[in-house]
Structure formats: structure tokens, C-alpha cells
PDB file of all heavy atoms in Angstrom:
ATOM      1  N   VAL A   1     -11.751   7.330  -5.558  1.00  0.00           N
ATOM      2  CA  VAL A   1     -10.398   6.847  -5.830  1.00  0.00           C
ATOM      3  C   VAL A   1      -9.773   6.508  -4.489  1.00  0.00           C
ATOM      4  O   VAL A   1      -9.841   7.299  -3.544  1.00  0.00           O
ATOM      5  CB  VAL A   1      -9.555   7.922  -6.541  1.00  0.00           C
ATOM      6  CG1 VAL A   1      -8.119   7.450  -6.718  1.00  0.00           C
ATOM      7  CG2 VAL A   1     -10.159   8.270  -7.889  1.00  0.00           C
ATOM      8  N   HIS A   2      -9.167   5.336  -4.393  1.00  0.00           N
ATOM      9  CA  HIS A   2      -8.536   4.894  -3.155  1.00  0.00           C
ATOM     10  C   HIS A   2      -7.022   4.988  -3.300  1.00  0.00           C
ATOM     11  O   HIS A   2      -6.449   4.452  -4.252  1.00  0.00           O
ATOM     12  CB  HIS A   2      -8.952   3.464  -2.819  1.00  0.00           C
ATOM     13  CG  HIS A   2     -10.409   3.317  -2.527  1.00  0.00           C
ATOM     14  ND1 HIS A   2     -10.901   3.198  -1.250  1.00  0.00           N
ATOM     15  CD2 HIS A   2     -11.482   3.318  -3.355  1.00  0.00           C
ATOM     16  CE1 HIS A   2     -12.213   3.111  -1.288  1.00  0.00           C
ATOM     17  NE2 HIS A   2     -12.598   3.174  -2.557  1.00  0.00           N
ATOM     18  N   ALA A   3      -6.378   5.670  -2.377  1.00  0.00           N
ATOM     19  CA  ALA A   3      -4.921   5.825  -2.392  1.00  0.00           C
ATOM     20  C   ALA A   3      -4.312   5.020  -1.253  1.00  0.00           C
ATOM     21  O   ALA A   3      -4.851   4.985  -0.135  1.00  0.00           O
ATOM     22  CB  ALA A   3      -4.544   7.294  -2.250  1.00  0.00           C
ATOM     23  N   PHE A   4      -3.183   4.365  -1.534  1.00  0.00           N
ATOM     24  CA  PHE A   4      -2.506   3.522  -0.560  1.00  0.00           C
ATOM     25  C   PHE A   4      -1.017   3.842  -0.535  1.00  0.00           C
ATOM     26  O   PHE A   4      -0.446   4.270  -1.529  1.00  0.00           O
ATOM     27  CB  PHE A   4      -2.652   2.034  -0.922  1.00  0.00           C
ATOM     28  CG  PHE A   4      -4.065   1.561  -1.100  1.00  0.00           C
ATOM     29  CD1 PHE A   4      -4.693   1.695  -2.326  1.00  0.00           C
ATOM     30  CD2 PHE A   4      -4.756   0.974  -0.061  1.00  0.00           C
ATOM     31  CE1 PHE A   4      -5.994   1.254  -2.508  1.00  0.00           C
ATOM     32  CE2 PHE A   4      -6.045   0.531  -0.224  1.00  0.00           C
ATOM     33  CZ  PHE A   4      -6.676   0.668  -1.451  1.00  0.00           C
ATOM     34  N   HIS A   5      -0.387   3.621   0.604  1.00  0.00           N
ATOM     35  CA  HIS A   5       1.065   3.508   0.676  1.00  0.00           C
ATOM     36  C   HIS A   5       1.404   2.033   0.557  1.00  0.00           C
ATOM     37  O   HIS A   5       0.792   1.191   1.223  1.00  0.00           O
ATOM     38  CB  HIS A   5       1.596   4.048   2.008  1.00  0.00           C
ATOM     39  CG  HIS A   5       1.857   5.523   1.985  1.00  0.00           C
ATOM     40  ND1 HIS A   5       2.518   6.144   0.962  1.00  0.00           N
ATOM     41  CD2 HIS A   5       1.535   6.494   2.887  1.00  0.00           C
ATOM     42  CE1 HIS A   5       2.599   7.437   1.213  1.00  0.00           C
ATOM     43  NE2 HIS A   5       2.004   7.683   2.363  1.00  0.00           N
ATOM     44  N   GLY A   6       2.381   1.722  -0.281  1.00  0.00           N
ATOM     45  CA  GLY A   6       2.779   0.337  -0.439  1.00  0.00           C
ATOM     46  C   GLY A   6       4.284   0.184  -0.416  1.00  0.00           C
ATOM     47  O   GLY A   6       5.021   1.121  -0.740  1.00  0.00           O
ATOM     48  N   ARG A   7       4.734  -0.979  -0.015  1.00  0.00           N
ATOM     49  CA  ARG A   7       6.175  -1.255   0.006  1.00  0.00           C
ATOM     50  C   ARG A   7       6.411  -2.740  -0.220  1.00  0.00           C
ATOM     51  O   ARG A   7       5.748  -3.584   0.398  1.00  0.00           O
ATOM     52  CB  ARG A   7       6.786  -0.829   1.337  1.00  0.00           C
ATOM     53  CG  ARG A   7       8.305  -0.931   1.376  1.00  0.00           C
ATOM     54  CD  ARG A   7       8.875  -0.263   2.614  1.00  0.00           C
ATOM     55  NE  ARG A   7      10.313  -0.200   2.585  1.00  0.00           N
ATOM     56  CZ  ARG A   7      11.063   0.387   3.519  1.00  0.00           C
ATOM     57  NH1 ARG A   7      10.470   0.971   4.555  1.00  0.00           N
ATOM     58  NH2 ARG A   7      12.368   0.412   3.423  1.00  0.00           N
ATOM     59  N   VAL A   8       7.339  -3.032  -1.138  1.00  0.00           N
ATOM     60  CA  VAL A   8       7.741  -4.407  -1.394  1.00  0.00           C
ATOM     61  C   VAL A   8       9.166  -4.579  -0.878  1.00  0.00           C
ATOM     62  O   VAL A   8      10.054  -3.782  -1.223  1.00  0.00           O
ATOM     63  CB  VAL A   8       7.670  -4.742  -2.900  1.00  0.00           C
ATOM     64  CG1 VAL A   8       8.164  -6.157  -3.152  1.00  0.00           C
ATOM     65  CG2 VAL A   8       6.242  -4.564  -3.412  1.00  0.00           C
ATOM     66  N   TYR A   9       9.391  -5.587  -0.088  1.00  0.00           N
ATOM     67  CA  TYR A   9      10.689  -5.802   0.548  1.00  0.00           C
ATOM     68  C   TYR A   9      11.589  -6.687  -0.306  1.00  0.00           C
ATOM     69  O   TYR A   9      11.104  -7.498  -1.106  1.00  0.00           O
ATOM     70  CB  TYR A   9      10.492  -6.445   1.929  1.00  0.00           C
ATOM     71  CG  TYR A   9       9.692  -5.575   2.869  1.00  0.00           C
ATOM     72  CD1 TYR A   9       8.314  -5.739   3.004  1.00  0.00           C
ATOM     73  CD2 TYR A   9      10.306  -4.563   3.612  1.00  0.00           C
ATOM     74  CE1 TYR A   9       7.576  -4.936   3.862  1.00  0.00           C
ATOM     75  CE2 TYR A   9       9.573  -3.756   4.470  1.00  0.00           C
ATOM     76  CZ  TYR A   9       8.213  -3.950   4.585  1.00  0.00           C
ATOM     77  OH  TYR A   9       7.478  -3.152   5.425  1.00  0.00           O
ATOM     78  N   GLU A  10      12.916  -6.508  -0.147  1.00  0.00           N
ATOM     79  CA  GLU A  10      13.872  -7.321  -0.901  1.00  0.00           C
ATOM     80  C   GLU A  10      13.723  -8.792  -0.558  1.00  0.00           C
ATOM     81  O   GLU A  10      13.899  -9.659  -1.417  1.00  0.00           O
ATOM     82  CB  GLU A  10      15.298  -6.839  -0.617  1.00  0.00           C
ATOM     83  CG  GLU A  10      15.598  -5.448  -1.172  1.00  0.00           C
ATOM     84  CD  GLU A  10      17.037  -5.061  -0.957  1.00  0.00           C
ATOM     85  OE1 GLU A  10      17.814  -5.922  -0.474  1.00  0.00           O
ATOM     86  OE2 GLU A  10      17.400  -3.910  -1.279  1.00  0.00           O
ATOM     87  N   ASP A  11      13.418  -9.063   0.703  1.00  0.00           N
ATOM     88  CA  ASP A  11      13.164 -10.441   1.120  1.00  0.00           C
ATOM     89  C   ASP A  11      11.750 -10.814   0.670  1.00  0.00           C
ATOM     90  O   ASP A  11      10.760 -10.366   1.248  1.00  0.00           O
ATOM     91  CB  ASP A  11      13.286 -10.567   2.638  1.00  0.00           C
ATOM     92  CG  ASP A  11      13.054 -11.988   3.129  1.00  0.00           C
ATOM     93  OD1 ASP A  11      12.823 -12.880   2.286  1.00  0.00           O
ATOM     94  OD2 ASP A  11      13.090 -12.201   4.362  1.00  0.00           O
ATOM     95  N   LEU A  12      11.659 -11.596  -0.388  1.00  0.00           N
ATOM     96  CA  LEU A  12      10.357 -11.906  -0.962  1.00  0.00           C
ATOM     97  C   LEU A  12       9.486 -12.735  -0.028  1.00  0.00           C
ATOM     98  O   LEU A  12       8.279 -12.873  -0.262  1.00  0.00           O
ATOM     99  CB  LEU A  12      10.535 -12.632  -2.296  1.00  0.00           C
ATOM    100  CG  LEU A  12      11.256 -11.819  -3.389  1.00  0.00           C
ATOM    101  CD1 LEU A  12      11.344 -12.622  -4.678  1.00  0.00           C
ATOM    102  CD2 LEU A  12      10.551 -10.497  -3.625  1.00  0.00           C
ATOM    103  N   ALA A  13      10.085 -13.280   1.020  1.00  0.00           N
ATOM    104  CA  ALA A  13       9.286 -14.029   1.996  1.00  0.00           C
ATOM    105  C   ALA A  13       8.513 -13.101   2.916  1.00  0.00           C
ATOM    106  O   ALA A  13       7.584 -13.531   3.599  1.00  0.00           O
ATOM    107  CB  ALA A  13      10.189 -14.948   2.821  1.00  0.00           C
ATOM    108  N   THR A  14       8.898 -11.824   2.931  1.00  0.00           N
ATOM    109  CA  THR A  14       8.194 -10.847   3.751  1.00  0.00           C
ATOM    110  C   THR A  14       7.000 -10.314   2.978  1.00  0.00           C
ATOM    111  O   THR A  14       7.162  -9.807   1.856  1.00  0.00           O
ATOM    112  CB  THR A  14       9.121  -9.674   4.118  1.00  0.00           C
ATOM    113  OG1 THR A  14      10.273 -10.189   4.803  1.00  0.00           O
ATOM    114  CG2 THR A  14       8.400  -8.673   5.009  1.00  0.00           C
ATOM    115  N   PRO A  15       5.813 -10.406   3.531  1.00  0.00           N
ATOM    116  CA  PRO A  15       4.632  -9.919   2.814  1.00  0.00           C
ATOM    117  C   PRO A  15       4.738  -8.422   2.516  1.00  0.00           C
ATOM    118  O   PRO A  15       5.262  -7.653   3.319  1.00  0.00           O
ATOM    119  CB  PRO A  15       3.474 -10.202   3.792  1.00  0.00           C
ATOM    120  CG  PRO A  15       3.997 -11.265   4.697  1.00  0.00           C
ATOM    121  CD  PRO A  15       5.470 -11.008   4.826  1.00  0.00           C
ATOM    122  N   PRO A  16       4.279  -7.973   1.355  1.00  0.00           N
ATOM    123  CA  PRO A  16       4.315  -6.540   1.041  1.00  0.00           C
ATOM    124  C   PRO A  16       3.420  -5.760   1.996  1.00  0.00           C
ATOM    125  O   PRO A  16       2.446  -6.283   2.533  1.00  0.00           O
ATOM    126  CB  PRO A  16       3.790  -6.477  -0.392  1.00  0.00           C
ATOM    127  CG  PRO A  16       2.981  -7.728  -0.553  1.00  0.00           C
ATOM    128  CD  PRO A  16       3.663  -8.763   0.279  1.00  0.00           C
ATOM    129  N   LEU A  17       3.779  -4.498   2.195  1.00  0.00           N
ATOM    130  CA  LEU A  17       3.028  -3.616   3.080  1.00  0.00           C
ATOM    131  C   LEU A  17       2.090  -2.739   2.253  1.00  0.00           C
ATOM    132  O   LEU A  17       2.533  -2.054   1.334  1.00  0.00           O
ATOM    133  CB  LEU A  17       3.982  -2.729   3.888  1.00  0.00           C
ATOM    134  CG  LEU A  17       3.347  -1.692   4.814  1.00  0.00           C
ATOM    135  CD1 LEU A  17       2.631  -2.388   5.963  1.00  0.00           C
ATOM    136  CD2 LEU A  17       4.399  -0.723   5.341  1.00  0.00           C
ATOM    137  N   ILE A  18       0.813  -2.782   2.545  1.00  0.00           N
ATOM    138  CA  ILE A  18      -0.172  -1.940   1.873  1.00  0.00           C
ATOM    139  C   ILE A  18      -1.027  -1.275   2.941  1.00  0.00           C
ATOM    140  O   ILE A  18      -1.711  -1.952   3.706  1.00  0.00           O
ATOM    141  CB  ILE A  18      -1.054  -2.744   0.907  1.00  0.00           C
ATOM    142  CG1 ILE A  18      -0.197  -3.434  -0.154  1.00  0.00           C
ATOM    143  CG2 ILE A  18      -2.094  -1.831   0.247  1.00  0.00           C
ATOM    144  CD1 ILE A  18      -0.982  -4.303  -1.109  1.00  0.00           C
ATOM    145  N   VAL A  19      -0.943   0.056   2.993  1.00  0.00           N
ATOM    146  CA  VAL A  19      -1.654   0.811   4.027  1.00  0.00           C
ATOM    147  C   VAL A  19      -2.617   1.796   3.361  1.00  0.00           C
ATOM    148  O   VAL A  19      -2.188   2.635   2.566  1.00  0.00           O
ATOM    149  CB  VAL A  19      -0.668   1.580   4.928  1.00  0.00           C
ATOM    150  CG1 VAL A  19      -1.423   2.367   5.994  1.00  0.00           C
ATOM    151  CG2 VAL A  19       0.335   0.623   5.563  1.00  0.00           C
ATOM    152  N   PRO A  20      -3.911   1.725   3.645  1.00  0.00           N
ATOM    153  CA  PRO A  20      -4.844   2.713   3.090  1.00  0.00           C
ATOM    154  C   PRO A  20      -4.463   4.123   3.523  1.00  0.00           C
ATOM    155  O   PRO A  20      -4.129   4.366   4.680  1.00  0.00           O
ATOM    156  CB  PRO A  20      -6.197   2.299   3.684  1.00  0.00           C
ATOM    157  CG  PRO A  20      -6.025   0.861   4.041  1.00  0.00           C
ATOM    158  CD  PRO A  20      -4.589   0.715   4.459  1.00  0.00           C
ATOM    159  N   LEU A  21      -4.499   5.061   2.563  1.00  0.00           N
ATOM    160  CA  LEU A  21      -4.079   6.424   2.830  1.00  0.00           C
ATOM    161  C   LEU A  21      -5.242   7.403   2.765  1.00  0.00           C
ATOM    162  O   LEU A  21      -5.533   8.108   3.730  1.00  0.00           O
ATOM    163  CB  LEU A  21      -2.995   6.832   1.824  1.00  0.00           C
ATOM    164  CG  LEU A  21      -2.452   8.253   1.905  1.00  0.00           C
ATOM    165  CD1 LEU A  21      -1.758   8.488   3.228  1.00  0.00           C
ATOM    166  CD2 LEU A  21      -1.509   8.526   0.739  1.00  0.00           C
ATOM    167  N   LYS A  22      -5.913   7.462   1.618  1.00  0.00           N
ATOM    168  CA  LYS A  22      -7.001   8.412   1.434  1.00  0.00           C
ATOM    169  C   LYS A  22      -8.083   7.775   0.564  1.00  0.00           C
ATOM    170  O   LYS A  22      -7.814   6.897  -0.250  1.00  0.00           O
ATOM    171  CB  LYS A  22      -6.523   9.690   0.715  1.00  0.00           C
ATOM    172  CG  LYS A  22      -5.386  10.442   1.406  1.00  0.00           C
ATOM    173  CD  LYS A  22      -5.883  11.322   2.520  1.00  0.00           C
ATOM    174  CE  LYS A  22      -4.727  12.159   3.079  1.00  0.00           C
ATOM    175  NZ  LYS A  22      -5.162  12.977   4.226  1.00  0.00           N
ATOM    176  N   VAL A  23      -9.294   8.256   0.735  1.00  0.00           N
ATOM    177  CA  VAL A  23     -10.370   7.988  -0.214  1.00  0.00           C
ATOM    178  C   VAL A  23     -10.764   9.342  -0.800  1.00  0.00           C
ATOM    179  O   VAL A  23     -11.188  10.241  -0.079  1.00  0.00           O
ATOM    180  CB  VAL A  23     -11.576   7.311   0.446  1.00  0.00           C
ATOM    181  CG1 VAL A  23     -12.689   7.102  -0.581  1.00  0.00           C
ATOM    182  CG2 VAL A  23     -11.170   5.980   1.059  1.00  0.00           C
ATOM    183  N   LEU A  24     -10.588   9.489  -2.104  1.00  0.00           N
ATOM    184  CA  LEU A  24     -10.820  10.755  -2.783  1.00  0.00           C
ATOM    185  C   LEU A  24     -12.213  10.739  -3.411  1.00  0.00           C
ATOM    186  O   LEU A  24     -12.540   9.849  -4.199  1.00  0.00           O
ATOM    187  CB  LEU A  24      -9.759  10.979  -3.860  1.00  0.00           C
ATOM    188  CG  LEU A  24      -8.309  10.782  -3.407  1.00  0.00           C
ATOM    189  CD1 LEU A  24      -7.356  10.952  -4.583  1.00  0.00           C
ATOM    190  CD2 LEU A  24      -7.952  11.742  -2.282  1.00  0.00           C
ATOM    191  N   ARG A  25     -13.022  11.721  -3.043  1.00  0.00           N
ATOM    192  CA  ARG A  25     -14.399  11.769  -3.522  1.00  0.00           C
ATOM    193  C   ARG A  25     -14.636  13.079  -4.255  1.00  0.00           C
ATOM    194  O   ARG A  25     -14.238  14.131  -3.788  1.00  0.00           O
ATOM    195  CB  ARG A  25     -15.375  11.649  -2.347  1.00  0.00           C
ATOM    196  CG  ARG A  25     -15.122  10.438  -1.454  1.00  0.00           C
ATOM    197  CD  ARG A  25     -16.084  10.398  -0.274  1.00  0.00           C
ATOM    198  NE  ARG A  25     -15.726   9.373   0.687  1.00  0.00           N
ATOM    199  CZ  ARG A  25     -16.100   8.109   0.596  1.00  0.00           C
ATOM    200  NH1 ARG A  25     -16.881   7.725  -0.416  1.00  0.00           N
ATOM    201  NH2 ARG A  25     -15.726   7.221   1.505  1.00  0.00           N
ATOM    202  N   GLY A  26     -15.304  13.011  -5.387  1.00  0.00           N
ATOM    203  CA  GLY A  26     -15.595  14.220  -6.134  1.00  0.00           C
ATOM    204  C   GLY A  26     -16.154  13.959  -7.518  1.00  0.00           C
ATOM    205  O   GLY A  26     -16.944  14.738  -8.034  1.00  0.00           O
TER     206      GLY A  26
END
């Protein structure tokens, strides 16, 4: 399972932020 931090800005011209956080294995 891949977990990310993400953020969408009010200014739609600004690309959304997606940052890899964790890879969950089990």
C-alpha cells in the first residue's frame, strides 16, 4: 500500500502537491 501527502490549491493553475510518504508491506 502506498501512502502520500497531497494538497490541492485554491489557485487551480497551481499544480497539486503529491509527496510519497510510506510504502506499507505486510
